[in-house]
């Protein structure tokens, strides 16, 4: 009988190890060991799944997660997990991201399907109810690496390596709280990291600013007298579009000469049957001739053109808030505006102070009166607009997509080396 080869011996040892793990720790642990062995023996590419319960509509957090996998598609076999129908064409239209080759798997959640819910808000689930996200937890065990991009701490990770991307810790620990079971926690801003420690008592691992790639290739589009706001039309009104409309109407009423020729454009994503959006539409119809426009669910190319053409940028998310989650956790659209030389006038809170340096590349405000004050200053001083716009564009280079992708690749390369080496990765070691 020929001697057993080293490889055959290793596989025999592995089979015995997996059998022992199954007996002691269960089938999922045994399956995880098998997955790791397949990658270690180079039998296949490592698999990575990324999940977000909001992939089916436009959002900055969703762009973050999808850009992350665009940076990793050559290293992993990637699956995008969603809870509502969404397509590669949607991602291309919304974010200019071609994710061909990445599978899209839609796993519908009966709890929300029965209620015909478009927004799958974990906060609305009663504490005594069965966790509807256990379906996603079970799915996570099929992959080498599971990335939870949804800020949804109700998903328990079963994969060998798990990554929670926290855009903000919106809910305090309660029933079905599993944020502390992930191998790694990535955060998008220092503001988010502060609240992860305060709310969850967790020290996050890795800071990766969001990717922003809205700068025009040639910059040849002339500016016009336009104030732009870009934010999702949240049904709760947390982005404060109503308050900004009120400021613009006040400008028109009290200083018509100063604001003559200027328009106010509000762009953003929205789901169907949005009562807040309907309210804004009604107010605008009630004030004809005020040069206020709504642009809903724009393709990315049309949004890019708006950025190129506009001059000032307003963002009041966080105004009059009581919950820290209602401020801007980072401010991707503010950076997009700055990349296009718009002067930002933004709420002084959340992650925005990390971006806008008051008086140097824009203004931070704490009230509608301050927004009015600094807007009037800018409308009367073209030289100031040009100086602050140029400074804003320079500051925005910190947050480019190229820098984001480099940091993502470095982080996941280190994670993969740890995985292949067989060193056990435990939550928050």
Foldseek 3Di string as FASTA:
>chain_A
DDDDDPVNVVVVVLVVVLVVCCVPPNDLRSVQSVLLVCVLVVVDAFAEEEEAAQCAWDDQLNLQVLLLVLLCVVRHQYEYEYADDDDQVLCCQRPVDRPPRYHYDHDHQVVCVVVVDPDPDPVPDDQVDDLSQQVVQVVLSVGQEYEYSHLDQLRAHSHQAYEYEHLANQDADDPSGHPLFHLAYEYAFVLRQVRCCVRVVARHDYYFHGAADLADPPLPAEAFQEEEEEDAQDLVCLFVPVLVVVLLVVCCVPPVPLCPRHAYEYEYEDDPPRVSVVVVVVVDVVPPPSRYYYHYPGGSVVVSSVLSHYAAYETERPAPDDRLVRHRQACRVLLSSLLNLHAYEYADDHNCCVQDDDPQQHHHDRDSVVVSVVVSVCSVDVPSSNRSSVRSSVSSVVRHSVSSSVVSVVVVVVVVVCSSVPPRRGRND
